[in-house]
Amino acid sequence: MTRTPVVIMDYYNKAVVELICEKYGYKPMQAFREFTASEIHRMLSDKKFEMWDFGAPAIFDMWEAEKITGNPRNSLYLRGDSV
């Protein structure tokens, strides 16, 4: 697996963790653990998926879809629904 550049991962880690904290009231470390343990984080880390085309709110939506349904592909961004 070719990894997404660290600077990109750092941006998403900070931005998505902040969104998780805001919406769910998690402490930053808890939010970071939740996000980095997710499938969407693994997809974001893998350069072949080119997930950086999505903004942080979309990645957060994918994380949330995974949290609720067990699969980040249930996010409207990955299903191809209108946004």
Protein backbone atom coordinates (compact mmCIF):
# COMPACT_ATOMS: atom_id res chain seq x y z
CA MET A 1 0.00 0.00 0.00
CA THR A 2 1.29 3.42 -0.92
CA ARG A 3 0.53 5.86 1.87
CA THR A 4 -1.13 9.24 1.60
CA PRO A 5 1.41 12.00 2.42
CA VAL A 6 1.75 12.78 6.12
CA VAL A 7 0.85 16.44 5.68
CA ILE A 8 -2.52 15.45 4.18
CA MET A 9 -3.19 12.88 6.91
CA ASP A 10 -2.28 15.44 9.57
CA TYR A 11 -4.83 17.89 8.13
CA TYR A 12 -7.63 15.31 8.05
CA ASN A 13 -6.79 13.91 11.48
CA LYS A 14 -7.08 17.38 13.03
CA ALA A 15 -10.13 18.51 11.05
CA VAL A 16 -12.18 15.33 11.45
CA VAL A 17 -11.29 14.94 15.12
CA GLU A 18 -12.49 18.50 15.69
CA LEU A 19 -15.80 17.70 13.96
CA ILE A 20 -16.24 14.53 16.03
CA CYS A 21 -15.57 16.47 19.24
CA GLU A 22 -18.03 19.21 18.28
CA LYS A 23 -20.88 16.87 17.37
CA TYR A 24 -20.42 14.06 19.88
CA GLY A 25 -18.73 15.82 22.77
CA TYR A 26 -15.79 13.43 22.76
CA LYS A 27 -12.50 14.45 24.25
CA PRO A 28 -9.87 14.97 21.53
CA MET A 29 -7.88 11.82 22.32
CA GLN A 30 -11.02 9.67 22.32
CA ALA A 31 -12.10 11.18 18.98
CA PHE A 32 -8.62 10.62 17.56
CA ARG A 33 -8.66 6.95 18.62
CA GLU A 34 -12.13 6.44 17.15
CA PHE A 35 -11.17 8.05 13.85
CA THR A 36 -7.80 6.36 13.44
CA ALA A 37 -9.31 2.94 14.21
CA SER A 38 -11.93 3.32 11.46
CA GLU A 39 -12.08 1.80 8.01
CA ILE A 40 -12.49 5.25 6.48
CA HIS A 41 -9.17 6.28 8.06
CA ARG A 42 -7.53 3.22 6.51
CA MET A 43 -9.04 4.17 3.14
CA LEU A 44 -7.86 7.77 3.56
CA SER A 45 -4.36 6.51 4.42
CA ASP A 46 -4.18 4.44 1.24
CA LYS A 47 -3.07 6.69 -1.61
CA LYS A 48 -4.78 4.54 -4.26
CA PHE A 49 -8.24 5.66 -3.08
CA GLU A 50 -7.41 9.37 -3.52
CA MET A 51 -9.78 10.27 -0.69
CA TRP A 52 -8.21 13.73 -0.37
CA ASP A 53 -10.58 14.80 -3.15
CA PHE A 54 -13.19 14.99 -0.38
CA GLY A 55 -13.22 17.77 2.18
CA ALA A 56 -13.07 17.13 5.91
CA PRO A 57 -16.89 17.38 6.31
CA ALA A 58 -17.33 14.60 3.73
CA ILE A 59 -14.74 12.40 5.44
CA PHE A 60 -16.55 13.07 8.72
CA ASP A 61 -19.82 12.00 7.07
CA MET A 62 -18.16 8.77 5.92
CA TRP A 63 -16.82 8.16 9.43
CA GLU A 64 -20.28 8.80 10.86
CA ALA A 65 -21.91 6.45 8.32
CA GLU A 66 -19.40 3.79 9.34
CA LYS A 67 -20.09 4.41 13.02
CA ILE A 68 -23.87 4.11 12.51
CA THR A 69 -24.11 1.39 9.85
CA GLY A 70 -20.75 -0.35 10.09
CA ASN A 71 -19.75 0.64 6.55
CA PRO A 72 -18.39 4.01 5.39
CA ARG A 73 -19.63 3.21 1.88
CA ASN A 74 -23.15 3.99 3.14
CA SER A 75 -22.22 7.67 3.18
CA LEU A 76 -24.09 9.66 0.57
CA TYR A 77 -20.70 10.84 -0.72
CA LEU A 78 -19.65 7.32 -1.63
CA ARG A 79 -23.08 6.12 -2.74
CA GLY A 80 -23.13 8.87 -5.34
CA ASP A 81 -26.27 10.56 -4.05
CA SER A 82 -26.75 14.25 -4.66
CA VAL A 83 -25.11 16.41 -2.04
